[in-house]
Amino acid sequence: MKRVLIRADASYTIGHGHIMRTLVLAKKYAKRGFEVSFATLNLEGNLNKKILDNKFGLYNLNTKNIEELINLIKKQNIDILVIDNYEIDYKSEKLIKEKTSVKIVCLDDTYEKHYCDVLINHNISANEKKYKSLVPKNCKLKCGSKYTLLREEFYKYKNKKIKKSDEKKRVFVAIGGTDYSNINIDILKVLQLFENIKVYIVTTSANKNLKQLKKYCKNKKFINLYIDTNKMAKLMAKTDFAVVSASVILNEVYFMQLPFIAIKTADNQQDIYNYLKKNKFYTLEKFDTKNFERSINKLLNLFN
């Protein structure tokens, strides 16, 4: 049985996107009969429990030192290494290849130089041509929405609108599992200004601002707060439009064909933000109350 090792991290500051998308990839490998494990740093706000709950192996790395990863690859006889980590660069990948001969699969969304056998950029904005001088000639490129790493639930609920019991407009809100930018409450305050709106907001127990968010949502009938939900696609199917960060979640909303407002909350979202703006989607380079309210009005006008 071939063995796959996925090198990715999650934390309060990194967010959950890297682990969430590689979990999808891990399940694809597992279905093909591969034995899959993760190698992660034991950071505050990690998703190690989720990895274990999904029945994958877990190796906790003590350092970022690439030699520790190389030793793990050798010791565990790894055949394929999946890297979804901004801190592992071209030189490190080349060293790993030279010392282990492992097949390297890299996930990238910022057009960095890579030494790999397969490169995946599953964002809707991905441009294969930009990688021609950034990867070896024999590297297989998988770019664009047809390679988006989606959980099975999304295929189940695509084009399956769930009937509503009233005429209120449903809004799906997801600003990353950790809400590092801390704008969830600001978004809710603006949405509260509109009549006939119902909000489905999702976050995780790794959100450092969760206590304040729960306090704000308490006794507000127009808000439904979901923590650590495993029904993202079903919630999207209930809603009319979405407010999301320009991150991994956007690929899911796009697949579900929901109108959306995308807010850039981190530097690594610049490429997808530029793509969305160029293609005239509703975007905010940073959260701004007036511009956000204006965008909500424009979206609501689509339903009139």
Protein backbone atom coordinates (compact mmCIF):
# COMPACT_ATOMS: atom_id res chain seq x y z
CA MET A 1 0.00 0.00 0.00
CA LYS A 2 1.37 3.40 -1.01
CA ARG A 3 1.70 5.98 1.71
CA VAL A 4 0.78 9.67 1.49
CA LEU A 5 1.99 12.32 3.95
CA ILE A 6 0.30 15.74 4.00
CA ARG A 7 2.32 18.63 5.42
CA ALA A 8 -0.07 21.39 6.49
CA ASP A 9 -0.88 23.45 9.57
CA ALA A 10 -3.84 25.20 11.18
CA SER A 11 -3.90 27.76 13.97
CA TYR A 12 -5.60 30.95 15.17
CA THR A 13 -3.33 33.03 12.93
CA ILE A 14 -2.88 30.67 9.95
CA GLY A 15 -6.56 29.80 9.83
CA HIS A 16 -8.14 26.46 8.92
CA GLY A 17 -8.13 26.59 5.11
CA HIS A 18 -4.98 24.52 4.53
CA ILE A 19 -6.16 21.60 6.66
CA MET A 20 -9.75 21.74 5.43
CA ARG A 21 -8.82 21.53 1.75
CA THR A 22 -6.15 18.88 2.28
CA LEU A 23 -8.67 16.78 4.23
CA VAL A 24 -10.70 16.66 1.02
CA LEU A 25 -7.59 15.59 -0.89
CA ALA A 26 -6.78 13.03 1.83
CA LYS A 27 -10.19 11.42 1.39
CA LYS A 28 -9.65 11.21 -2.37
CA TYR A 29 -6.34 9.39 -1.80
CA ALA A 30 -7.92 7.10 0.79
CA LYS A 31 -10.67 6.10 -1.65
CA ARG A 32 -7.95 5.03 -4.09
CA GLY A 33 -6.44 2.76 -1.45
CA PHE A 34 -3.62 4.98 -0.18
CA GLU A 35 -2.67 5.16 3.49
CA VAL A 36 -2.82 8.84 4.45
CA SER A 37 -1.24 10.73 7.36
CA PHE A 38 -0.71 14.37 8.28
CA ALA A 39 2.45 16.04 9.61
CA THR A 40 1.62 19.20 11.54
CA LEU A 41 2.99 21.60 14.09
CA ASN A 42 1.02 21.47 17.34
CA LEU A 43 -0.08 25.11 17.17
CA GLU A 44 -2.74 26.84 19.23
CA GLY A 45 -6.06 26.59 17.41
CA ASN A 46 -5.02 23.55 15.35
CA LEU A 47 -7.33 20.97 13.74
CA ASN A 48 -5.52 17.86 14.93
CA LYS A 49 -8.68 16.43 16.47
CA LYS A 50 -10.51 16.81 13.16
CA ILE A 51 -7.71 14.94 11.39
CA LEU A 52 -7.94 12.09 13.88
CA ASP A 53 -11.76 12.11 13.77
CA ASN A 54 -11.47 11.49 10.03
CA LYS A 55 -9.35 8.40 10.78
CA PHE A 56 -6.09 9.74 9.34
CA GLY A 57 -2.69 9.30 10.94
CA LEU A 58 -1.08 12.27 12.66
CA TYR A 59 2.55 13.12 13.29
CA ASN A 60 3.26 16.19 15.43
CA LEU A 61 6.43 17.94 14.28
CA ASN A 62 8.58 19.60 16.92
CA THR A 63 10.10 22.21 14.61
CA LYS A 64 9.84 23.84 11.20
CA ASN A 65 13.25 22.34 10.40
CA ILE A 66 13.03 20.62 7.01
CA GLU A 67 15.41 17.87 8.15
CA GLU A 68 12.81 16.69 10.67
CA LEU A 69 10.30 16.32 7.83
CA ILE A 70 12.86 14.51 5.67
CA ASN A 71 13.61 12.05 8.48
CA LEU A 72 9.88 11.40 8.92
CA ILE A 73 9.46 10.73 5.18
CA LYS A 74 12.32 8.22 5.27
CA LYS A 75 11.23 6.53 8.50
CA GLN A 76 7.63 6.09 7.35
CA ASN A 77 8.53 5.10 3.76
CA ILE A 78 6.36 7.84 2.27
CA ASP A 79 5.63 7.61 -1.46
CA ILE A 80 3.80 10.92 -1.96
CA LEU A 81 4.31 14.17 -0.03
CA VAL A 82 1.56 16.79 -0.26
CA ILE A 83 2.71 20.27 0.79
CA ASP A 84 0.21 23.01 1.64
CA ASN A 85 2.42 25.38 3.56
CA TYR A 86 3.65 28.87 2.64
CA GLU A 87 6.84 28.46 4.68
CA ILE A 88 8.19 25.51 2.68
CA ASP A 89 9.87 27.05 -0.35
CA TYR A 90 11.46 25.89 -3.61
CA LYS A 91 14.86 25.18 -2.01
CA SER A 92 13.28 23.08 0.74
CA GLU A 93 11.20 21.13 -1.79
CA LYS A 94 14.29 20.48 -3.91
CA LEU A 95 16.20 19.27 -0.86
CA ILE A 96 13.34 16.93 0.08
CA LYS A 97 13.30 15.49 -3.45
CA GLU A 98 17.09 15.03 -3.51
CA LYS A 99 17.18 13.28 -0.14
CA THR A 100 14.06 11.11 -0.43
CA SER A 101 12.97 10.87 -4.12
CA VAL A 102 9.39 11.19 -2.86
CA LYS A 103 6.74 12.40 -5.33
CA ILE A 104 5.86 15.97 -4.35
CA VAL A 105 2.40 17.51 -4.77
CA CYS A 106 2.20 21.23 -3.92
CA LEU A 107 -0.90 23.31 -3.26
CA ASP A 108 -0.35 26.95 -4.16
CA ASP A 109 -2.49 30.05 -4.57
CA THR A 110 0.09 32.84 -4.60
CA TYR A 111 2.17 31.89 -7.69
CA GLU A 112 5.37 30.95 -5.89
CA LYS A 113 8.26 28.97 -7.39
CA HIS A 114 7.99 25.23 -6.63
CA TYR A 115 10.05 22.08 -7.13
CA CYS A 116 7.27 19.53 -7.46
CA ASP A 117 5.77 16.82 -9.65
CA VAL A 118 2.18 18.10 -9.41
CA LEU A 119 0.95 21.60 -8.62
CA ILE A 120 -2.65 22.30 -7.63
CA ASN A 121 -4.20 25.77 -7.56
CA HIS A 122 -7.91 25.10 -7.15
CA ASN A 123 -9.05 28.71 -6.87
CA ILE A 124 -11.52 30.01 -9.43
CA SER A 125 -8.92 32.68 -10.29
CA ALA A 126 -6.07 30.23 -11.00
CA ASN A 127 -4.05 30.98 -14.14
CA GLU A 128 -2.00 28.02 -15.41
CA LYS A 129 0.16 30.20 -17.69
CA LYS A 130 1.63 32.03 -14.67
CA TYR A 131 3.28 28.79 -13.50
CA LYS A 132 5.22 27.98 -16.69
CA SER A 133 8.46 29.48 -15.38
CA LEU A 134 7.80 28.62 -11.73
CA VAL A 135 7.76 24.80 -11.85
CA PRO A 136 9.89 22.06 -13.50
CA LYS A 137 9.03 21.30 -17.14
CA ASN A 138 7.59 17.88 -16.29
CA CYS A 139 5.36 19.22 -13.52
CA LYS A 140 1.66 18.47 -14.01
CA LEU A 141 -0.47 21.58 -13.49
CA LYS A 142 -4.01 21.38 -12.12
CA CYS A 143 -5.44 24.88 -12.10
CA GLY A 144 -8.92 26.36 -11.86
CA SER A 145 -12.40 25.59 -10.61
CA LYS A 146 -12.55 22.09 -12.14
CA TYR A 147 -9.90 21.06 -9.60
CA THR A 148 -11.58 22.70 -6.61
CA LEU A 149 -11.33 20.44 -3.56
CA LEU A 150 -14.94 20.04 -2.47
CA ARG A 151 -16.48 17.75 0.12
CA GLU A 152 -19.16 15.31 -1.06
CA GLU A 153 -21.89 17.34 0.63
CA PHE A 154 -21.49 20.12 -1.94
CA TYR A 155 -22.23 17.81 -4.86
CA LYS A 156 -25.29 16.58 -2.97
CA TYR A 157 -26.75 20.05 -2.40
CA LYS A 158 -25.74 21.87 -5.57
CA ASN A 159 -28.86 23.15 -7.35
CA LYS A 160 -30.96 21.86 -4.46
CA LYS A 161 -32.65 24.89 -2.95
CA ILE A 162 -34.34 24.20 0.38
CA LYS A 163 -37.81 25.73 0.64
CA LYS A 164 -38.28 28.64 3.03
CA SER A 165 -41.13 29.05 5.49
CA ASP A 166 -41.29 32.83 5.01
CA GLU A 167 -40.29 35.62 2.63
CA LYS A 168 -37.15 36.66 4.50
CA LYS A 169 -33.86 36.76 2.61
CA ARG A 170 -31.34 34.29 4.01
CA VAL A 171 -27.69 35.35 4.26
CA PHE A 172 -24.83 32.90 4.70
CA VAL A 173 -21.86 34.47 6.54
CA ALA A 174 -18.42 32.83 6.84
CA ILE A 175 -15.28 34.87 7.51
CA GLY A 176 -12.89 31.98 8.17
CA GLY A 177 -12.93 29.44 10.98
CA THR A 178 -10.84 31.64 13.26
CA ASP A 179 -12.13 35.06 12.11
CA TYR A 180 -8.59 36.41 12.45
CA SER A 181 -9.74 39.78 11.07
CA ASN A 182 -12.42 39.97 13.81
CA ILE A 183 -15.17 41.45 11.63
CA ASN A 184 -18.08 39.04 12.23
CA ILE A 185 -19.84 41.35 14.68
CA ASP A 186 -19.27 44.38 12.41
CA ILE A 187 -20.94 42.46 9.56
CA LEU A 188 -23.88 41.48 11.76
CA LYS A 189 -24.39 45.08 12.90
CA VAL A 190 -24.81 46.17 9.29
CA LEU A 191 -27.12 43.26 8.42
CA GLN A 192 -29.29 44.18 11.42
CA LEU A 193 -30.11 47.46 9.68
CA PHE A 194 -32.08 45.59 7.01
CA GLU A 195 -35.61 44.32 7.48
CA ASN A 196 -36.66 40.80 6.49
CA ILE A 197 -33.17 39.31 6.69
CA LYS A 198 -32.21 36.09 8.42
CA VAL A 199 -28.52 35.27 8.99
CA TYR A 200 -26.78 31.91 9.08
CA ILE A 201 -23.30 32.62 10.43
CA VAL A 202 -20.69 29.88 10.74
CA THR A 203 -17.49 29.80 12.76
CA THR A 204 -15.47 27.33 14.82
CA SER A 205 -14.49 26.79 18.43
CA ALA A 206 -11.00 27.99 17.42
CA ASN A 207 -12.33 31.52 16.95
CA LYS A 208 -10.61 33.65 19.59
CA ASN A 209 -13.48 36.11 19.43
CA LEU A 210 -16.15 33.44 19.92
CA LYS A 211 -17.18 34.58 23.41
CA GLN A 212 -17.98 38.10 22.18
CA LEU A 213 -19.72 36.73 19.08
CA LYS A 214 -21.95 34.41 21.12
CA LYS A 215 -22.81 37.27 23.46
CA TYR A 216 -23.73 39.52 20.54
CA CYS A 217 -25.88 36.84 18.87
CA LYS A 218 -27.77 35.96 22.07
CA ASN A 219 -31.49 36.79 21.94
CA LYS A 220 -31.23 38.11 18.36
CA LYS A 221 -33.86 36.13 16.51
CA PHE A 222 -32.58 37.08 13.06
CA ILE A 223 -29.21 35.37 13.73
CA ASN A 224 -28.52 31.63 13.64
CA LEU A 225 -24.99 30.92 14.89
CA TYR A 226 -23.36 27.62 13.92
CA ILE A 227 -20.13 26.49 15.61
CA ASP A 228 -18.08 23.62 14.13
CA THR A 229 -20.91 22.66 11.79
CA ASN A 230 -20.54 19.82 9.31
CA LYS A 231 -23.51 21.01 7.24
CA MET A 232 -22.00 23.90 5.29
CA ALA A 233 -23.48 22.90 1.93
CA LYS A 234 -26.95 22.42 3.43
CA LEU A 235 -26.78 25.87 5.02
CA MET A 236 -25.74 27.42 1.71
CA ALA A 237 -28.65 25.66 0.01
CA LYS A 238 -30.98 27.42 2.46
CA THR A 239 -29.68 30.89 1.69
CA ASP A 240 -30.14 33.53 -1.00
CA PHE A 241 -26.67 35.08 -0.93
CA ALA A 242 -23.41 34.95 1.00
CA VAL A 243 -20.90 37.19 2.74
CA VAL A 244 -17.50 35.46 2.85
CA SER A 245 -13.79 36.07 3.02
CA ALA A 246 -11.90 35.79 -0.30
CA SER A 247 -10.49 32.44 0.81
CA VAL A 248 -11.16 28.70 0.44
CA ILE A 249 -14.82 29.17 1.40
CA LEU A 250 -15.33 31.34 -1.69
CA ASN A 251 -14.65 28.36 -3.97
CA GLU A 252 -17.47 26.50 -2.23
CA VAL A 253 -19.92 29.42 -2.50
CA TYR A 254 -19.01 29.85 -6.18
CA PHE A 255 -19.63 26.13 -6.82
CA MET A 256 -23.04 26.42 -5.14
CA GLN A 257 -23.83 29.36 -7.47
CA LEU A 258 -24.71 31.71 -4.63
CA PRO A 259 -24.49 35.46 -5.22
CA PHE A 260 -21.88 36.78 -2.79
CA ILE A 261 -19.87 39.64 -1.35
CA ALA A 262 -16.20 38.69 -0.91
CA ILE A 263 -14.07 40.54 1.64
CA LYS A 264 -10.27 40.35 1.50
CA THR A 265 -9.10 39.54 5.02
CA ALA A 266 -5.49 38.42 4.37
CA ASP A 267 -2.62 39.21 1.99
CA ASN A 268 -2.65 35.75 0.42
CA GLN A 269 -6.17 36.50 -0.90
CA GLN A 270 -4.93 39.28 -3.21
CA ASP A 271 -4.98 37.21 -6.41
CA ILE A 272 -8.52 35.96 -5.99
CA TYR A 273 -9.65 39.45 -4.91
CA ASN A 274 -8.13 40.93 -8.10
CA TYR A 275 -9.87 38.29 -10.21
CA LEU A 276 -13.25 38.93 -8.57
CA LYS A 277 -12.94 42.69 -8.93
CA LYS A 278 -11.88 42.41 -12.57
CA ASN A 279 -14.89 40.19 -13.28
CA LYS A 280 -17.24 42.61 -11.51
CA PHE A 281 -18.22 40.47 -8.53
CA TYR A 282 -19.12 42.31 -5.33
CA THR A 283 -15.87 42.78 -3.42
CA LEU A 284 -14.35 44.74 -0.55
CA GLU A 285 -10.58 45.08 -0.27
CA LYS A 286 -11.13 45.57 3.46
CA PHE A 287 -14.25 45.74 5.58
CA ASP A 288 -15.87 49.16 5.53
CA THR A 289 -19.33 49.73 7.00
CA LYS A 290 -20.63 52.13 4.34
CA ASN A 291 -19.32 50.18 1.36
CA PHE A 292 -20.57 46.92 2.84
CA GLU A 293 -24.04 48.37 3.40
CA ARG A 294 -24.03 49.65 -0.18
CA SER A 295 -23.08 46.18 -1.48
CA ILE A 296 -25.86 44.54 0.53
CA ASN A 297 -28.37 46.96 -1.00
CA LYS A 298 -27.16 46.09 -4.50
CA LEU A 299 -27.49 42.37 -3.82
CA LEU A 300 -30.98 42.76 -2.38
CA ASN A 301 -32.02 44.70 -5.47
CA LEU A 302 -31.28 41.58 -7.54
CA PHE A 303 -34.25 39.90 -5.91
CA ASN A 304 -36.73 42.71 -6.61
